[in-house]
Each structure stands twice: as structure tokens, then as C-alpha cells.
Amino acid sequence: MSHLLTFSVCVRLAPRGEYLSVVLLEIFKLLRLSVGERIQISLQLLPEPCPVLVDRGQIEQVVLNLVINARDAMPGGGRITITTRQVELDAVQALEAPPYRPGRHVLLGVGDTGEGMDAATQARIFEPFFTTKDRGRGTGLGLATAYGIVQQSGGSIHVRSAPGEGAKFDIYLPYSDPVPTRPAGAAAPLHPAPGVESVLVVEDEPQVRGLMREALARAGYRVLEAPNGKDALEIAGWLPGGLDLLVTDIVMPGMDGTDLVNRLRATRPTLPVLYVTGYADTGEILDQVFQTEAPILHKPFMMDRLVRRVREVLDAAAHPAQ
């Protein structure tokens, strides 16, 4: 367990009062797009908003990671159900199943009808870099990250599964006194300052590209998009007023992200770049990226994290370290 705790300290949280039901409703569109047409996803939420003290962006990341994990366990389709309920644990119940803590909790459940897991897999499911997916299809960090976030939020996460019977992840979050930080249903601000720069988004997955474009446009950026490197070069060639940032997937058909960056920087040597990837190991391509120390955003990610990362990269380019 110590290696899990070591990994978890890498997560930096900024907790505040949030209504869990509101958070789930606001990200449901993204969750539905993330699972595709073969999988049904539904919410079964308490009428009460379920106040908890969490880092909103990080708890969104936990839910997204669990949903992506469930999707990958159902290649032929299936169902994902997200539930909330309130539970009261006494001292005896907490001792029976550590690391539960006594008191009032909000229970967030993410269940699927997928392949399920045997006991040996369940014992390692939260280990960093452990994955049952084929090479190149998973980082092995999604569930480990979820574990770290939940633990640092004062909660617990547990899995119940069996081969052929799907899986159910239960997240216990300490109940918080209602602390409305904004009107219920209001969208969370994507970043503290509006963006005005031009950003070119290159992503071959249409749904992902559309979500990225929408999030950045809402944040005030002038967004251009391309489905591949060839189109990106054409857009950059006629773009009036220059280009402030390139956000590009690493692995794409035809021209990969590193080739695109090299060609653009032939005429724009100081062009800031943010790489995006869903691959844990892309061989020589990923080696090239790490050698350049370029910033990388790993999929899956919430859109507010994308917007924050874009702002960070632009600010770093405008004020380089001396």
C-alpha cells in the first residue's frame, strides 16, 4: 500500500464546498460522448445535492477515469450506471472495512456490465502503471490517480467485481455542510483570466476535437482546428495575425505530432506547443517528445484542465525563466 500513498502525494488539491449531484449533471454530456454509441450511461442521483468538500476538477477526473475504465471493459457494448446515496458509518463498520471513517458520507458509485475482474487483478487495480490493456492502449495511471485523489480528499475507494459480472467502484466521500460556491447549475469557471490568443488544435478524433474547441472558445481564445497534420500546415500557412499556441495530438494518421511541430517551427522557431496523448508508450515518437521537455497533457482529461494547461503554457512562453 505504501507505493500507492507515495503516488498519491503527487496530486495537489484545492478543496471547496461542492454539490456532487450538480457536478455529475454538468459533466454528463462529456461522459456520454466519451463512451460512444454502443454503451448506455445513466445517472441515478439522490434528489438532495449531496454537499462534499472536494477539488471539483479532480473529482471530475476521478469520475471520467472510472467511466473510461468501464468503457474499455465493454468492447461489445453494455451499461454504465452512476449513483449517489448517503450513508452513515458507525465505528464498528469503519473498523470492519478500513480505510472507512466513521460518520456521514456521500457514496458515489460507478458500475458497469463489463468483463469483470478476478481477485488477483482486483488486488492490483490501483497500482501505478498496472494495466490489463494491450500495449499502447492504456497508461495504467487512471485508477491509481483516482485512488490518490480520493484518499487525499479524505475518502475511500473500493471495487467489487467477479469475472463475467461487471465491476462496481464505490467512492466514500465525507459529507460536508452545504457551502454553495455558486448557483446550482452554473458552470465552473474554466480559468481566472480570459484568453485572447490564437490556438490551433490538431486532433484526429472529431468528438474530442469538438470538445476542446468549445472549451477554449468559451475561455476567450481564437480557436482554429484541424483533423491532421497536413490540414494544420495549410491553416497555419494562411493564418492572418500569426499563431500563439499549437495543441496537437502526438499519434495521428499520416503525420504525427512531432513531425508537425518540426515543420511549423522551421518558420516559427519559438512557437509554444502543448502535446496531447492517450498512449503510455509510443516508442521513438514519445522519446522525442520527452527529450524536448515539451508539456504533455495525458488523456483522458477534463476540459477545465485543458484550459488551465493552455494558459500555463502561454504564460510560460511569454515570461520564460531567466
Protein backbone atom coordinates (compact mmCIF):
# COMPACT_ATOMS: atom_id res chain seq x y z
CA MET A 1 0.00 0.00 0.00
CA SER A 2 2.92 2.37 0.58
CA HIS A 3 3.61 2.72 -3.15
CA LEU A 4 0.02 3.88 -3.64
CA LEU A 5 0.41 6.53 -0.95
CA THR A 6 3.69 7.64 -2.48
CA PHE A 7 1.98 8.06 -5.83
CA SER A 8 -0.98 9.86 -4.30
CA VAL A 9 1.09 12.68 -2.85
CA CYS A 10 1.79 13.87 -6.40
CA VAL A 11 -1.84 15.06 -6.61
CA ARG A 12 -2.33 18.68 -5.49
CA LEU A 13 -5.87 19.50 -4.36
CA ALA A 14 -7.74 22.77 -3.79
CA PRO A 15 -10.88 21.56 -1.97
CA ARG A 16 -14.02 23.65 -1.67
CA GLY A 17 -17.67 23.04 -0.98
CA GLU A 18 -19.36 21.41 -3.97
CA TYR A 19 -22.69 19.76 -4.63
CA LEU A 20 -21.80 16.36 -6.03
CA SER A 21 -25.08 15.93 -7.89
CA VAL A 22 -24.56 19.25 -9.68
CA VAL A 23 -21.01 18.28 -10.64
CA LEU A 24 -22.21 14.99 -12.14
CA LEU A 25 -25.03 16.63 -14.08
CA GLU A 26 -22.70 19.23 -15.55
CA ILE A 27 -20.14 16.72 -16.84
CA PHE A 28 -22.69 14.15 -18.03
CA LYS A 29 -22.52 15.32 -21.66
CA LEU A 30 -18.78 14.75 -21.74
CA LEU A 31 -19.17 11.34 -20.11
CA ARG A 32 -21.78 10.31 -22.66
CA LEU A 33 -19.56 11.39 -25.56
CA SER A 34 -16.60 9.54 -24.02
CA VAL A 35 -18.28 6.11 -24.01
CA GLY A 36 -19.55 6.02 -27.61
CA GLU A 37 -22.82 4.75 -29.06
CA ARG A 38 -22.56 1.10 -28.00
CA ILE A 39 -22.67 1.88 -24.30
CA GLN A 40 -25.61 3.25 -22.34
CA ILE A 41 -24.71 5.55 -19.46
CA SER A 42 -27.21 6.79 -16.88
CA LEU A 43 -27.36 8.80 -13.68
CA GLN A 44 -29.32 7.64 -10.64
CA LEU A 45 -28.89 10.54 -8.25
CA LEU A 46 -30.44 11.41 -4.92
CA PRO A 47 -32.88 14.34 -5.02
CA GLU A 48 -30.57 16.02 -2.49
CA PRO A 49 -27.47 17.73 -3.99
CA CYS A 50 -25.02 15.85 -1.68
CA PRO A 51 -22.57 18.50 -0.43
CA VAL A 52 -18.93 17.37 -0.23
CA LEU A 53 -15.60 19.12 0.29
CA VAL A 54 -13.55 18.28 -2.80
CA ASP A 55 -11.40 19.71 -5.56
CA ARG A 56 -14.00 19.93 -8.31
CA GLY A 57 -11.62 19.42 -11.20
CA GLN A 58 -10.00 16.42 -9.53
CA ILE A 59 -13.24 14.68 -8.58
CA GLU A 60 -14.41 15.18 -12.17
CA GLN A 61 -11.18 13.49 -13.24
CA VAL A 62 -11.92 10.56 -10.91
CA VAL A 63 -15.36 10.03 -12.47
CA LEU A 64 -14.01 10.35 -16.01
CA ASN A 65 -11.21 7.85 -15.31
CA LEU A 66 -13.69 5.33 -13.90
CA VAL A 67 -16.06 5.78 -16.85
CA ILE A 68 -13.22 5.32 -19.37
CA ASN A 69 -12.08 2.22 -17.50
CA ALA A 70 -15.63 0.83 -17.62
CA ARG A 71 -15.92 1.63 -21.33
CA ASP A 72 -12.73 -0.27 -22.10
CA ALA A 73 -14.07 -3.29 -20.19
CA MET A 74 -17.08 -3.43 -22.54
CA PRO A 75 -15.73 -3.54 -26.13
CA GLY A 76 -19.01 -5.03 -27.35
CA GLY A 77 -21.20 -2.53 -25.52
CA GLY A 78 -23.03 -2.50 -22.21
CA ARG A 79 -24.26 -0.20 -19.44
CA ILE A 80 -22.61 2.21 -17.03
CA THR A 81 -24.58 3.45 -14.06
CA ILE A 82 -23.51 6.35 -11.85
CA THR A 83 -25.28 6.60 -8.49
CA THR A 84 -25.23 8.70 -5.34
CA ARG A 85 -26.59 7.99 -1.89
CA GLN A 86 -25.91 9.00 1.68
CA VAL A 87 -24.61 6.51 4.24
CA GLU A 88 -23.82 6.69 7.94
CA LEU A 89 -20.94 4.53 9.15
CA ASP A 90 -20.51 3.80 12.84
CA ALA A 91 -17.19 2.97 14.44
CA VAL A 92 -17.70 -0.78 14.10
CA GLN A 93 -18.49 -0.56 10.37
CA ALA A 94 -15.45 1.63 9.83
CA LEU A 95 -13.19 -0.91 11.54
CA GLU A 96 -14.64 -3.79 9.52
CA ALA A 97 -13.64 -2.27 6.21
CA PRO A 98 -10.72 0.17 6.58
CA PRO A 99 -9.91 2.80 5.46
CA TYR A 100 -13.53 3.80 6.01
CA ARG A 101 -14.02 6.53 8.59
CA PRO A 102 -16.97 6.81 10.97
CA GLY A 103 -19.59 9.42 10.21
CA ARG A 104 -21.82 10.64 7.42
CA HIS A 105 -20.67 10.00 3.86
CA VAL A 106 -21.80 10.53 0.31
CA LEU A 107 -21.39 7.30 -1.64
CA LEU A 108 -20.58 7.76 -5.33
CA GLY A 109 -20.90 4.56 -7.32
CA VAL A 110 -19.75 3.80 -10.86
CA GLY A 111 -20.82 0.37 -12.07
CA ASP A 112 -20.62 -1.45 -15.39
CA THR A 113 -21.76 -4.67 -17.05
CA GLY A 114 -18.33 -5.47 -18.44
CA GLU A 115 -15.92 -8.36 -18.27
CA GLY A 116 -15.28 -8.10 -14.54
CA MET A 117 -12.07 -8.94 -12.70
CA ASP A 118 -10.71 -11.87 -10.76
CA ALA A 119 -9.32 -11.48 -7.23
CA ALA A 120 -5.70 -11.23 -8.40
CA THR A 121 -6.50 -8.31 -10.71
CA GLN A 122 -8.58 -6.54 -8.06
CA ALA A 123 -5.65 -6.75 -5.64
CA ARG A 124 -3.50 -4.70 -8.04
CA ILE A 125 -6.09 -2.49 -9.73
CA PHE A 126 -4.95 0.73 -8.02
CA GLU A 127 -1.22 0.18 -8.54
CA PRO A 128 0.51 2.83 -10.69
CA PHE A 129 1.26 1.56 -14.21
CA PHE A 130 -0.65 -1.70 -13.70
CA THR A 131 -2.95 -2.39 -16.65
CA THR A 132 -4.65 -5.34 -18.28
CA LYS A 133 -4.97 -3.48 -21.59
CA ASP A 134 -2.89 -4.19 -24.66
CA ARG A 135 0.40 -2.35 -25.01
CA GLY A 136 -0.14 1.22 -26.18
CA ARG A 137 -3.82 1.30 -25.12
CA GLY A 138 -3.51 2.34 -21.51
CA THR A 139 -1.14 4.16 -19.17
CA GLY A 140 -2.05 2.22 -16.04
CA LEU A 141 -2.41 5.56 -14.23
CA GLY A 142 -6.16 6.20 -14.43
CA LEU A 143 -7.22 4.16 -11.39
CA ALA A 144 -4.04 4.96 -9.45
CA THR A 145 -4.75 8.66 -9.97
CA ALA A 146 -8.35 8.17 -8.84
CA TYR A 147 -7.10 6.37 -5.73
CA GLY A 148 -4.73 9.20 -4.85
CA ILE A 149 -7.34 11.92 -5.36
CA VAL A 150 -9.97 10.15 -3.27
CA GLN A 151 -7.53 9.39 -0.46
CA GLN A 152 -6.35 12.99 -0.29
CA SER A 153 -9.98 14.12 -0.27
CA GLY A 154 -10.45 12.22 2.99
CA GLY A 155 -12.42 9.44 1.31
CA SER A 156 -12.08 5.80 0.32
CA ILE A 157 -12.44 3.94 -2.97
CA HIS A 158 -13.18 0.23 -3.29
CA VAL A 159 -14.01 -2.20 -6.08
CA ARG A 160 -16.41 -5.14 -6.14
CA SER A 161 -16.19 -7.45 -9.13
CA ALA A 162 -16.09 -11.00 -10.43
CA PRO A 163 -15.30 -12.46 -13.87
CA GLY A 164 -18.29 -12.03 -16.17
CA GLU A 165 -20.23 -9.96 -13.62
CA GLY A 166 -19.00 -6.44 -14.30
CA ALA A 167 -17.43 -4.13 -11.74
CA LYS A 168 -18.67 -1.59 -9.22
CA PHE A 169 -16.45 1.14 -7.81
CA ASP A 170 -17.68 2.69 -4.56
CA ILE A 171 -16.26 6.05 -3.50
CA TYR A 172 -16.97 7.23 0.03
CA LEU A 173 -16.61 10.99 0.43
CA PRO A 174 -17.10 12.73 3.79
CA TYR A 175 -20.34 14.68 3.92
CA SER A 176 -19.85 18.43 4.11
CA ASP A 177 -22.06 21.19 5.44
CA PRO A 178 -23.72 22.88 2.45
CA VAL A 179 -21.35 25.55 1.19
CA PRO A 180 -22.71 26.85 -2.11
CA THR A 181 -19.84 28.38 -4.02
CA ARG A 182 -22.02 29.40 -6.99
CA PRO A 183 -25.65 28.99 -8.02
CA ALA A 184 -26.68 25.39 -8.62
CA GLY A 185 -26.32 24.55 -12.29
CA ALA A 186 -23.83 27.32 -13.01
CA ALA A 187 -20.79 26.19 -14.94
CA ALA A 188 -17.45 26.26 -13.16
CA PRO A 189 -15.09 28.97 -14.44
CA LEU A 190 -12.55 27.47 -16.77
CA HIS A 191 -9.69 29.72 -15.68
CA PRO A 192 -9.28 33.01 -13.78
CA ALA A 193 -8.27 35.18 -16.72
CA PRO A 194 -9.74 35.35 -20.23
CA GLY A 195 -7.63 34.22 -23.15
CA VAL A 196 -7.17 36.31 -26.26
CA GLU A 197 -4.52 34.32 -28.13
CA SER A 198 -4.85 32.21 -31.28
CA VAL A 199 -4.72 28.46 -30.64
CA LEU A 200 -4.55 25.75 -33.30
CA VAL A 201 -5.99 22.42 -32.11
CA VAL A 202 -4.91 19.34 -34.09
CA GLU A 203 -6.77 16.16 -33.11
CA ASP A 204 -7.96 13.34 -35.37
CA GLU A 205 -10.88 12.30 -33.12
CA PRO A 206 -13.83 14.57 -34.10
CA GLN A 207 -15.69 14.43 -30.77
CA VAL A 208 -12.58 15.16 -28.73
CA ARG A 209 -11.57 17.95 -31.08
CA GLY A 210 -15.03 19.50 -30.84
CA LEU A 211 -14.98 19.49 -27.05
CA MET A 212 -11.52 21.04 -27.00
CA ARG A 213 -12.57 23.75 -29.45
CA GLU A 214 -15.71 24.56 -27.44
CA ALA A 215 -13.86 24.76 -24.12
CA LEU A 216 -11.11 27.01 -25.44
CA ALA A 217 -13.56 29.24 -27.30
CA ARG A 218 -15.61 29.66 -24.12
CA ALA A 219 -12.42 30.74 -22.39
CA GLY A 220 -11.97 33.54 -24.94
CA TYR A 221 -9.35 32.07 -27.26
CA ARG A 222 -9.45 32.35 -31.02
CA VAL A 223 -9.57 28.66 -31.90
CA LEU A 224 -8.70 27.01 -35.20
CA GLU A 225 -8.87 23.26 -35.65
CA ALA A 226 -7.50 20.58 -37.94
CA PRO A 227 -8.05 16.81 -38.09
CA ASN A 228 -4.48 16.04 -39.19
CA GLY A 229 -1.01 17.46 -39.71
CA LYS A 230 -1.48 18.22 -43.41
CA ASP A 231 -4.53 20.40 -42.80
CA ALA A 232 -2.81 22.04 -39.84
CA LEU A 233 0.09 23.15 -42.06
CA GLU A 234 -2.32 24.63 -44.58
CA ILE A 235 -4.21 26.53 -41.88
CA ALA A 236 -1.01 27.85 -40.34
CA GLY A 237 0.15 28.96 -43.79
CA TRP A 238 -2.71 31.35 -44.39
CA LEU A 239 -3.48 32.26 -40.79
CA PRO A 240 -3.55 36.06 -40.53
CA GLY A 241 -2.09 37.58 -37.42
CA GLY A 242 0.17 34.67 -36.53
CA LEU A 243 -0.26 31.71 -34.21
CA ASP A 244 0.25 31.80 -30.43
CA LEU A 245 0.00 28.11 -29.49
CA LEU A 246 -0.21 24.68 -31.09
CA VAL A 247 -2.14 21.98 -29.23
CA THR A 248 -1.57 18.70 -31.03
CA ASP A 249 -2.15 15.01 -30.52
CA ILE A 250 1.07 13.01 -30.75
CA VAL A 251 -0.11 9.94 -32.64
CA MET A 252 -2.16 10.71 -35.75
CA PRO A 253 -2.59 9.11 -39.17
CA GLY A 254 -0.13 10.34 -41.77
CA MET A 255 1.90 12.96 -39.97
CA ASP A 256 2.48 12.56 -36.24
CA GLY A 257 2.55 15.47 -33.81
CA THR A 258 6.34 15.72 -33.56
CA ASP A 259 6.72 15.96 -37.35
CA LEU A 260 4.07 18.68 -37.43
CA VAL A 261 5.89 20.64 -34.72
CA ASN A 262 9.22 20.37 -36.52
CA ARG A 263 7.73 21.65 -39.78
CA LEU A 264 5.91 24.55 -38.13
CA ARG A 265 8.95 25.56 -36.12
CA ALA A 266 11.02 25.76 -39.29
CA THR A 267 9.33 29.13 -39.81
CA ARG A 268 8.13 29.72 -36.22
CA PRO A 269 11.07 28.63 -34.04
CA THR A 270 9.54 29.97 -30.80
CA LEU A 271 6.04 28.54 -31.32
CA PRO A 272 4.77 27.18 -27.97
CA VAL A 273 3.43 23.62 -28.11
CA LEU A 274 1.21 21.52 -25.85
CA TYR A 275 1.21 17.81 -26.74
CA VAL A 276 -1.84 15.63 -26.07
CA THR A 277 -1.70 11.85 -25.95
CA GLY A 278 -3.67 8.85 -24.79
CA TYR A 279 -0.74 6.46 -25.19
CA ALA A 280 1.56 5.29 -22.41
CA ASP A 281 4.29 4.23 -24.82
CA THR A 282 4.59 5.47 -28.38
CA GLY A 283 8.18 4.30 -28.84
CA GLU A 284 10.53 6.67 -30.58
CA ILE A 285 7.81 9.30 -31.02
CA LEU A 286 7.24 9.70 -27.29
CA ASP A 287 11.01 9.59 -26.67
CA GLN A 288 11.40 12.59 -28.94
CA VAL A 289 8.73 14.48 -27.01
CA PHE A 290 10.33 13.81 -23.63
CA GLN A 291 13.74 14.83 -24.95
CA THR A 292 12.37 18.25 -25.83
CA GLU A 293 10.81 18.61 -22.33
CA ALA A 294 7.64 19.77 -24.03
CA PRO A 295 4.49 19.94 -21.87
CA ILE A 296 2.20 16.92 -22.29
CA LEU A 297 -1.46 16.50 -21.35
CA HIS A 298 -2.48 12.86 -20.95
CA LYS A 299 -5.91 11.61 -22.00
CA PRO A 300 -8.49 11.36 -20.66
CA PHE A 301 -8.71 14.88 -19.25
CA MET A 302 -11.45 17.26 -18.25
CA MET A 303 -11.81 20.40 -20.34
CA ASP A 304 -11.07 22.75 -17.47
CA ARG A 305 -7.70 21.04 -17.10
CA LEU A 306 -7.01 21.64 -20.80
CA VAL A 307 -7.85 25.32 -20.44
CA ARG A 308 -5.66 25.71 -17.37
CA ARG A 309 -2.77 23.93 -19.09
CA VAL A 310 -3.11 26.12 -22.19
CA ARG A 311 -2.95 29.22 -20.00
CA GLU A 312 0.12 27.90 -18.19
CA VAL A 313 1.97 27.15 -21.43
CA LEU A 314 1.16 30.55 -22.91
CA ASP A 315 2.20 32.36 -19.73
CA ALA A 316 5.44 30.39 -19.56
CA ALA A 317 6.22 31.31 -23.17
CA ALA A 318 5.53 34.98 -22.52
CA HIS A 319 7.66 35.03 -19.37
CA PRO A 320 10.42 32.44 -19.77
CA ALA A 321 12.51 31.56 -16.75
CA GLN A 322 15.69 33.51 -16.54
